[in-house]
Amino acid sequence: MTDVADLISRWQLSPHPEGGWYREMHRSSEQVTRADGSKRDGLTSILFLLEAGAVSRWHRVRGADEVWIHLQGAPLELFSLESTADSPTRTVLTADHPIEAIKANHWQAARCLGSYTLVSCCVGPAFDFADFDMLQDLPQDQWPAALKT
């Protein structure tokens, strides 16, 4: 059985603000211009680890899609929510359904359904913390209706 502490050490993972552990593995050297005119690297890829009981708290990436790829461990429960929707979409990532894309500006959250889950998350245009919102950091009147409970 894989030990979470071993994975954190082997991959030199750091705590992520949304929860879990991560390490950036790739950042494209190519630049793109987003619809809002801002420049970003083309793509980023991270390893992201959630252990039993840990969650990736509700967050969104403005102006970039995020692709989640299940690598190993327990299934991952992934939620996605448009800001105008009444309820989130639920997907479970496993070896049989390993990939799910979250559209730009959609709220998302995840949780491990076992002892640990290791995924890769790829963001394009590249991830930048300037485009990252955590639900808890926004005034409640900006929260999507389904997240107020």
N, C-alpha and C. Protein backbone atom coordinates (compact mmCIF):
# COMPACT_ATOMS: atom_id res chain seq x y z
N MET A 1 0.84 -1.19 0.00
CA MET A 1 0.00 0.00 0.00
C MET A 1 0.88 1.25 0.00
N THR A 2 0.49 2.23 -0.77
CA THR A 2 1.24 3.47 -0.87
C THR A 2 0.97 4.34 0.34
N ASP A 3 2.03 4.91 0.89
CA ASP A 3 1.93 5.79 2.04
C ASP A 3 1.92 7.24 1.54
N VAL A 4 0.97 8.03 2.04
CA VAL A 4 0.83 9.43 1.63
C VAL A 4 2.12 10.20 1.90
N ALA A 5 2.71 9.99 3.07
CA ALA A 5 3.96 10.70 3.40
C ALA A 5 5.06 10.37 2.40
N ASP A 6 5.10 9.12 1.94
CA ASP A 6 6.10 8.73 0.93
C ASP A 6 5.87 9.47 -0.39
N LEU A 7 4.61 9.60 -0.81
CA LEU A 7 4.29 10.33 -2.05
C LEU A 7 4.66 11.80 -1.93
N ILE A 8 4.35 12.40 -0.79
CA ILE A 8 4.69 13.81 -0.57
C ILE A 8 6.20 14.00 -0.65
N SER A 9 6.94 13.10 -0.04
CA SER A 9 8.40 13.19 -0.06
C SER A 9 8.96 12.90 -1.45
N ARG A 10 8.51 11.82 -2.08
CA ARG A 10 9.03 11.41 -3.39
C ARG A 10 8.82 12.50 -4.44
N TRP A 11 7.65 13.12 -4.44
CA TRP A 11 7.32 14.12 -5.45
C TRP A 11 7.59 15.55 -4.97
N GLN A 12 8.11 15.70 -3.74
CA GLN A 12 8.43 17.02 -3.18
C GLN A 12 7.22 17.96 -3.27
N LEU A 13 6.08 17.46 -2.76
CA LEU A 13 4.82 18.20 -2.82
C LEU A 13 4.75 19.21 -1.69
N SER A 14 4.06 20.30 -1.94
CA SER A 14 3.84 21.37 -0.97
C SER A 14 2.35 21.53 -0.72
N PRO A 15 1.96 22.08 0.43
CA PRO A 15 0.54 22.32 0.68
C PRO A 15 -0.05 23.29 -0.34
N HIS A 16 -1.26 23.00 -0.80
CA HIS A 16 -1.95 23.88 -1.74
C HIS A 16 -2.99 24.70 -0.98
N PRO A 17 -3.19 25.97 -1.33
CA PRO A 17 -4.17 26.80 -0.61
C PRO A 17 -5.59 26.24 -0.60
N GLU A 18 -5.97 25.49 -1.65
CA GLU A 18 -7.33 24.94 -1.70
C GLU A 18 -7.45 23.65 -0.90
N GLY A 19 -6.34 23.12 -0.41
CA GLY A 19 -6.30 21.84 0.29
C GLY A 19 -5.43 20.88 -0.49
N GLY A 20 -5.01 19.82 0.14
CA GLY A 20 -4.17 18.83 -0.54
C GLY A 20 -2.74 19.30 -0.72
N TRP A 21 -2.03 18.58 -1.57
CA TRP A 21 -0.60 18.79 -1.80
C TRP A 21 -0.36 18.89 -3.30
N TYR A 22 0.65 19.68 -3.71
CA TYR A 22 0.89 19.82 -5.14
C TYR A 22 2.34 20.15 -5.46
N ARG A 23 2.65 20.00 -6.74
CA ARG A 23 3.94 20.45 -7.28
C ARG A 23 3.74 20.69 -8.77
N GLU A 24 4.16 21.86 -9.22
CA GLU A 24 4.13 22.13 -10.65
C GLU A 24 5.19 21.29 -11.33
N MET A 25 4.78 20.58 -12.40
CA MET A 25 5.69 19.69 -13.11
C MET A 25 6.09 20.25 -14.48
N HIS A 26 5.23 21.10 -15.04
CA HIS A 26 5.53 21.66 -16.36
C HIS A 26 4.87 23.02 -16.51
N ARG A 27 5.58 23.93 -17.14
CA ARG A 27 5.04 25.24 -17.53
C ARG A 27 5.55 25.51 -18.94
N SER A 28 4.63 25.70 -19.86
CA SER A 28 4.97 25.95 -21.25
C SER A 28 5.79 27.22 -21.39
N SER A 29 6.75 27.18 -22.31
CA SER A 29 7.53 28.38 -22.59
C SER A 29 6.85 29.26 -23.64
N GLU A 30 5.82 28.74 -24.29
CA GLU A 30 5.07 29.50 -25.29
C GLU A 30 4.05 30.39 -24.60
N GLN A 31 3.91 31.61 -25.08
CA GLN A 31 2.93 32.56 -24.54
C GLN A 31 1.70 32.60 -25.43
N VAL A 32 0.54 32.80 -24.80
CA VAL A 32 -0.71 32.99 -25.52
C VAL A 32 -1.37 34.27 -25.00
N THR A 33 -2.24 34.82 -25.80
CA THR A 33 -3.01 35.99 -25.40
C THR A 33 -4.45 35.54 -25.16
N ARG A 34 -4.94 35.75 -23.95
CA ARG A 34 -6.30 35.35 -23.61
C ARG A 34 -7.30 36.34 -24.19
N ALA A 35 -8.58 35.98 -24.14
CA ALA A 35 -9.65 36.83 -24.65
C ALA A 35 -9.66 38.20 -23.98
N ASP A 36 -9.23 38.27 -22.71
CA ASP A 36 -9.22 39.55 -21.99
C ASP A 36 -7.97 40.38 -22.30
N GLY A 37 -7.11 39.87 -23.20
CA GLY A 37 -5.90 40.58 -23.59
C GLY A 37 -4.67 40.27 -22.76
N SER A 38 -4.85 39.58 -21.63
CA SER A 38 -3.69 39.26 -20.78
C SER A 38 -2.87 38.13 -21.41
N LYS A 39 -1.59 38.15 -21.13
CA LYS A 39 -0.67 37.13 -21.64
C LYS A 39 -0.44 36.08 -20.56
N ARG A 40 -0.44 34.83 -20.97
CA ARG A 40 -0.16 33.72 -20.07
C ARG A 40 0.71 32.71 -20.82
N ASP A 41 1.44 31.90 -20.06
CA ASP A 41 2.09 30.75 -20.66
C ASP A 41 0.99 29.85 -21.21
N GLY A 42 1.31 29.00 -22.16
CA GLY A 42 0.30 28.19 -22.83
C GLY A 42 -0.35 27.13 -21.95
N LEU A 43 0.43 26.50 -21.07
CA LEU A 43 -0.08 25.35 -20.32
C LEU A 43 0.74 25.13 -19.06
N THR A 44 0.08 24.72 -17.99
CA THR A 44 0.77 24.22 -16.81
C THR A 44 0.23 22.85 -16.47
N SER A 45 1.05 22.07 -15.80
CA SER A 45 0.65 20.75 -15.32
C SER A 45 1.21 20.55 -13.92
N ILE A 46 0.35 20.08 -13.01
CA ILE A 46 0.80 19.80 -11.64
C ILE A 46 0.45 18.36 -11.27
N LEU A 47 1.12 17.87 -10.25
CA LEU A 47 0.66 16.70 -9.50
C LEU A 47 -0.12 17.25 -8.33
N PHE A 48 -1.23 16.59 -8.01
CA PHE A 48 -2.09 17.04 -6.92
C PHE A 48 -2.52 15.82 -6.12
N LEU A 49 -2.31 15.85 -4.83
CA LEU A 49 -2.58 14.72 -3.96
C LEU A 49 -3.59 15.11 -2.89
N LEU A 50 -4.63 14.30 -2.77
CA LEU A 50 -5.57 14.44 -1.66
C LEU A 50 -5.52 13.15 -0.85
N GLU A 51 -5.43 13.29 0.45
CA GLU A 51 -5.45 12.12 1.33
C GLU A 51 -6.84 11.96 1.93
N ALA A 52 -7.06 10.86 2.60
CA ALA A 52 -8.35 10.57 3.22
C ALA A 52 -8.79 11.76 4.06
N GLY A 53 -10.03 12.17 3.87
CA GLY A 53 -10.59 13.27 4.65
C GLY A 53 -10.25 14.66 4.13
N ALA A 54 -9.31 14.77 3.19
CA ALA A 54 -8.93 16.07 2.64
C ALA A 54 -9.82 16.42 1.45
N VAL A 55 -10.02 17.70 1.25
CA VAL A 55 -10.81 18.16 0.11
C VAL A 55 -10.08 19.27 -0.63
N SER A 56 -10.41 19.39 -1.89
CA SER A 56 -10.04 20.55 -2.68
C SER A 56 -11.24 21.48 -2.56
N ARG A 57 -11.11 22.56 -1.79
CA ARG A 57 -12.24 23.45 -1.51
C ARG A 57 -12.70 24.17 -2.78
N TRP A 58 -13.96 24.64 -2.74
CA TRP A 58 -14.54 25.32 -3.88
C TRP A 58 -13.64 26.46 -4.35
N HIS A 59 -13.32 26.42 -5.64
CA HIS A 59 -12.47 27.43 -6.25
C HIS A 59 -12.79 27.50 -7.75
N ARG A 60 -12.26 28.52 -8.39
CA ARG A 60 -12.37 28.61 -9.84
C ARG A 60 -11.09 29.21 -10.41
N VAL A 61 -10.88 28.92 -11.69
CA VAL A 61 -9.77 29.50 -12.43
C VAL A 61 -10.40 30.35 -13.54
N ARG A 62 -10.22 31.65 -13.42
CA ARG A 62 -10.80 32.56 -14.40
C ARG A 62 -9.99 32.52 -15.70
N GLY A 63 -10.70 32.34 -16.82
CA GLY A 63 -10.07 32.42 -18.13
C GLY A 63 -9.26 31.23 -18.56
N ALA A 64 -9.41 30.08 -17.88
CA ALA A 64 -8.63 28.89 -18.26
C ALA A 64 -9.41 27.62 -17.92
N ASP A 65 -9.35 26.65 -18.82
CA ASP A 65 -9.91 25.33 -18.55
C ASP A 65 -8.92 24.53 -17.70
N GLU A 66 -9.46 23.61 -16.91
CA GLU A 66 -8.61 22.72 -16.11
C GLU A 66 -9.02 21.28 -16.39
N VAL A 67 -8.03 20.44 -16.72
CA VAL A 67 -8.27 19.03 -16.97
C VAL A 67 -7.69 18.23 -15.82
N TRP A 68 -8.54 17.40 -15.19
CA TRP A 68 -8.13 16.53 -14.09
C TRP A 68 -7.89 15.13 -14.67
N ILE A 69 -6.76 14.51 -14.29
CA ILE A 69 -6.40 13.19 -14.79
C ILE A 69 -6.05 12.30 -13.60
N HIS A 70 -6.84 11.25 -13.40
CA HIS A 70 -6.61 10.30 -12.29
C HIS A 70 -5.37 9.48 -12.60
N LEU A 71 -4.41 9.46 -11.68
CA LEU A 71 -3.17 8.70 -11.87
C LEU A 71 -3.12 7.43 -11.04
N GLN A 72 -3.46 7.55 -9.75
CA GLN A 72 -3.42 6.36 -8.89
C GLN A 72 -4.20 6.61 -7.62
N GLY A 73 -4.49 5.52 -6.94
CA GLY A 73 -5.18 5.61 -5.66
C GLY A 73 -6.69 5.48 -5.81
N ALA A 74 -7.38 5.95 -4.79
CA ALA A 74 -8.83 5.83 -4.70
C ALA A 74 -9.51 6.73 -5.73
N PRO A 75 -10.78 6.45 -6.01
CA PRO A 75 -11.55 7.34 -6.87
C PRO A 75 -11.57 8.76 -6.30
N LEU A 76 -11.73 9.72 -7.20
CA LEU A 76 -11.82 11.12 -6.82
C LEU A 76 -13.20 11.63 -7.21
N GLU A 77 -13.91 12.20 -6.25
CA GLU A 77 -15.21 12.81 -6.51
C GLU A 77 -14.95 14.27 -6.87
N LEU A 78 -15.37 14.66 -8.08
CA LEU A 78 -15.11 15.99 -8.62
C LEU A 78 -16.44 16.68 -8.90
N PHE A 79 -16.55 17.91 -8.43
CA PHE A 79 -17.77 18.70 -8.62
C PHE A 79 -17.46 19.91 -9.48
N SER A 80 -18.40 20.28 -10.33
CA SER A 80 -18.28 21.47 -11.17
C SER A 80 -19.59 22.22 -11.13
N LEU A 81 -19.50 23.55 -11.11
CA LEU A 81 -20.70 24.37 -11.01
C LEU A 81 -20.53 25.67 -11.79
N GLU A 82 -21.43 25.91 -12.74
CA GLU A 82 -21.47 27.21 -13.41
C GLU A 82 -21.97 28.23 -12.39
N SER A 83 -21.52 29.46 -12.50
CA SER A 83 -21.91 30.46 -11.52
C SER A 83 -23.41 30.74 -11.52
N THR A 84 -24.10 30.41 -12.61
CA THR A 84 -25.55 30.64 -12.69
C THR A 84 -26.37 29.38 -12.43
N ALA A 85 -25.72 28.25 -12.18
CA ALA A 85 -26.43 26.98 -11.99
C ALA A 85 -26.98 26.86 -10.57
N ASP A 86 -27.98 26.00 -10.42
CA ASP A 86 -28.59 25.75 -9.11
C ASP A 86 -27.91 24.62 -8.35
N SER A 87 -27.27 23.70 -9.07
CA SER A 87 -26.61 22.59 -8.38
C SER A 87 -25.40 22.13 -9.19
N PRO A 88 -24.42 21.56 -8.51
CA PRO A 88 -23.19 21.13 -9.19
C PRO A 88 -23.38 19.82 -9.95
N THR A 89 -22.48 19.62 -10.93
CA THR A 89 -22.36 18.35 -11.63
C THR A 89 -21.33 17.52 -10.87
N ARG A 90 -21.61 16.23 -10.68
CA ARG A 90 -20.70 15.33 -9.96
C ARG A 90 -20.15 14.30 -10.93
N THR A 91 -18.84 14.11 -10.89
CA THR A 91 -18.15 13.09 -11.67
C THR A 91 -17.20 12.36 -10.75
N VAL A 92 -17.04 11.06 -10.95
CA VAL A 92 -16.08 10.29 -10.18
C VAL A 92 -14.98 9.82 -11.13
N LEU A 93 -13.75 10.24 -10.82
CA LEU A 93 -12.60 9.82 -11.62
C LEU A 93 -12.01 8.53 -11.07
N THR A 94 -11.80 7.58 -11.97
CA THR A 94 -11.23 6.28 -11.64
C THR A 94 -10.33 5.84 -12.78
N ALA A 95 -9.75 4.66 -12.67
CA ALA A 95 -8.95 4.11 -13.77
C ALA A 95 -9.81 3.91 -15.01
N ASP A 96 -11.11 3.65 -14.85
CA ASP A 96 -12.02 3.45 -15.98
C ASP A 96 -12.58 4.76 -16.54
N HIS A 97 -12.54 5.81 -15.78
CA HIS A 97 -12.98 7.15 -16.22
C HIS A 97 -11.95 8.14 -15.66
N PRO A 98 -10.76 8.22 -16.30
CA PRO A 98 -9.66 8.95 -15.68
C PRO A 98 -9.59 10.45 -15.95
N ILE A 99 -10.37 10.98 -16.89
CA ILE A 99 -10.19 12.37 -17.30
C ILE A 99 -11.51 13.14 -17.27
N GLU A 100 -11.44 14.35 -16.72
CA GLU A 100 -12.59 15.25 -16.72
C GLU A 100 -12.09 16.68 -16.88
N ALA A 101 -12.76 17.45 -17.73
CA ALA A 101 -12.40 18.85 -17.94
C ALA A 101 -13.40 19.76 -17.24
N ILE A 102 -12.87 20.76 -16.57
CA ILE A 102 -13.69 21.80 -15.93
C ILE A 102 -13.51 23.06 -16.77
N LYS A 103 -14.61 23.60 -17.24
CA LYS A 103 -14.54 24.79 -18.10
C LYS A 103 -14.08 26.01 -17.31
N ALA A 104 -13.47 26.93 -18.04
CA ALA A 104 -13.02 28.20 -17.46
C ALA A 104 -14.16 28.87 -16.70
N ASN A 105 -13.84 29.44 -15.56
CA ASN A 105 -14.77 30.23 -14.73
C ASN A 105 -15.80 29.39 -13.98
N HIS A 106 -15.80 28.08 -14.13
CA HIS A 106 -16.71 27.23 -13.38
C HIS A 106 -16.11 26.97 -12.00
N TRP A 107 -16.96 26.95 -11.00
CA TRP A 107 -16.52 26.57 -9.65
C TRP A 107 -16.25 25.07 -9.65
N GLN A 108 -15.29 24.66 -8.85
CA GLN A 108 -14.95 23.24 -8.76
C GLN A 108 -14.48 22.90 -7.35
N ALA A 109 -14.68 21.62 -7.01
CA ALA A 109 -14.23 21.09 -5.72
C ALA A 109 -14.03 19.60 -5.90
N ALA A 110 -13.25 18.99 -5.02
CA ALA A 110 -13.00 17.55 -5.14
C ALA A 110 -12.73 16.96 -3.77
N ARG A 111 -12.94 15.64 -3.69
CA ARG A 111 -12.55 14.93 -2.47
C ARG A 111 -12.16 13.51 -2.82
N CYS A 112 -11.24 13.01 -2.03
CA CYS A 112 -10.76 11.65 -2.15
C CYS A 112 -11.79 10.70 -1.55
N LEU A 113 -12.04 9.58 -2.24
CA LEU A 113 -13.02 8.61 -1.74
C LEU A 113 -12.35 7.37 -1.14
N GLY A 114 -11.14 7.53 -0.64
CA GLY A 114 -10.41 6.42 -0.03
C GLY A 114 -9.23 6.95 0.76
N SER A 115 -8.14 6.19 0.77
CA SER A 115 -6.98 6.58 1.57
C SER A 115 -6.18 7.73 0.94
N TYR A 116 -6.10 7.77 -0.38
CA TYR A 116 -5.45 8.88 -1.08
C TYR A 116 -5.82 8.81 -2.56
N THR A 117 -5.70 9.95 -3.24
CA THR A 117 -5.85 10.02 -4.69
C THR A 117 -4.76 10.94 -5.23
N LEU A 118 -4.07 10.47 -6.26
CA LEU A 118 -3.06 11.27 -6.95
C LEU A 118 -3.58 11.56 -8.35
N VAL A 119 -3.65 12.85 -8.69
CA VAL A 119 -4.10 13.26 -10.02
C VAL A 119 -3.08 14.23 -10.61
N SER A 120 -3.22 14.45 -11.90
CA SER A 120 -2.52 15.55 -12.55
C SER A 120 -3.60 16.54 -12.96
N CYS A 121 -3.31 17.81 -12.81
CA CYS A 121 -4.22 18.87 -13.26
C CYS A 121 -3.46 19.73 -14.27
N CYS A 122 -4.04 19.86 -15.45
CA CYS A 122 -3.44 20.66 -16.52
C CYS A 122 -4.35 21.85 -16.78
N VAL A 123 -3.78 23.05 -16.80
CA VAL A 123 -4.54 24.27 -16.98
C VAL A 123 -4.02 25.01 -18.21
N GLY A 124 -4.96 25.40 -19.08
CA GLY A 124 -4.60 26.14 -20.27
C GLY A 124 -5.63 27.20 -20.59
N PRO A 125 -5.21 28.44 -20.87
CA PRO A 125 -3.85 28.94 -20.68
C PRO A 125 -3.36 28.70 -19.25
N ALA A 126 -2.07 28.77 -19.09
CA ALA A 126 -1.41 28.36 -17.86
C ALA A 126 -2.00 28.97 -16.59
N PHE A 127 -1.91 28.19 -15.52
CA PHE A 127 -2.39 28.63 -14.22
C PHE A 127 -1.55 29.80 -13.72
N ASP A 128 -2.27 30.75 -13.13
CA ASP A 128 -1.63 31.89 -12.47
C ASP A 128 -2.51 32.20 -11.26
N PHE A 129 -1.91 32.33 -10.08
CA PHE A 129 -2.69 32.61 -8.88
C PHE A 129 -3.49 33.91 -9.00
N ALA A 130 -3.12 34.79 -9.93
CA ALA A 130 -3.89 36.03 -10.16
C ALA A 130 -5.29 35.72 -10.70
N ASP A 131 -5.46 34.53 -11.30
CA ASP A 131 -6.74 34.12 -11.89
C ASP A 131 -7.50 33.13 -11.00
N PHE A 132 -7.05 32.93 -9.79
CA PHE A 132 -7.56 31.88 -8.89
C PHE A 132 -8.42 32.51 -7.81
N ASP A 133 -9.66 32.05 -7.70
CA ASP A 133 -10.56 32.51 -6.63
C ASP A 133 -10.96 31.33 -5.77
N MET A 134 -10.86 31.51 -4.47
CA MET A 134 -11.40 30.53 -3.52
C MET A 134 -12.72 31.09 -3.03
N LEU A 135 -13.72 30.26 -2.95
CA LEU A 135 -15.04 30.71 -2.56
C LEU A 135 -15.00 31.43 -1.22
N GLN A 136 -14.24 30.92 -0.28
CA GLN A 136 -14.19 31.51 1.07
C GLN A 136 -13.61 32.92 1.06
N ASP A 137 -12.89 33.30 -0.02
CA ASP A 137 -12.28 34.62 -0.09
C ASP A 137 -13.20 35.68 -0.69
N LEU A 138 -14.36 35.27 -1.21
CA LEU A 138 -15.29 36.20 -1.84
C LEU A 138 -16.41 36.57 -0.89
N PRO A 139 -16.96 37.77 -1.02
CA PRO A 139 -18.14 38.11 -0.21
C PRO A 139 -19.28 37.14 -0.51
N GLN A 140 -20.07 36.78 0.50
CA GLN A 140 -21.12 35.78 0.32
C GLN A 140 -22.12 36.17 -0.76
N ASP A 141 -22.35 37.46 -1.00
CA ASP A 141 -23.31 37.83 -2.03
C ASP A 141 -22.81 37.50 -3.44
N GLN A 142 -21.55 37.09 -3.55
CA GLN A 142 -21.01 36.65 -4.84
C GLN A 142 -21.00 35.14 -4.99
N TRP A 143 -21.36 34.42 -3.93
CA TRP A 143 -21.35 32.96 -4.00
C TRP A 143 -22.50 32.49 -4.89
N PRO A 144 -22.26 31.43 -5.69
CA PRO A 144 -23.38 30.82 -6.42
C PRO A 144 -24.42 30.30 -5.42
N ALA A 145 -25.67 30.35 -5.80
CA ALA A 145 -26.78 29.98 -4.91
C ALA A 145 -26.59 28.59 -4.30
N ALA A 146 -26.13 27.64 -5.07
CA ALA A 146 -26.01 26.27 -4.57
C ALA A 146 -24.94 26.11 -3.52
N LEU A 147 -24.03 27.07 -3.41
CA LEU A 147 -22.93 26.95 -2.44
C LEU A 147 -23.22 27.68 -1.15
N LYS A 148 -24.37 28.33 -1.01
CA LYS A 148 -24.68 29.10 0.19
C LYS A 148 -25.06 28.22 1.38
N THR A 149 -25.36 26.95 1.13
CA THR A 149 -25.77 26.08 2.22
C THR A 149 -24.58 25.43 2.88
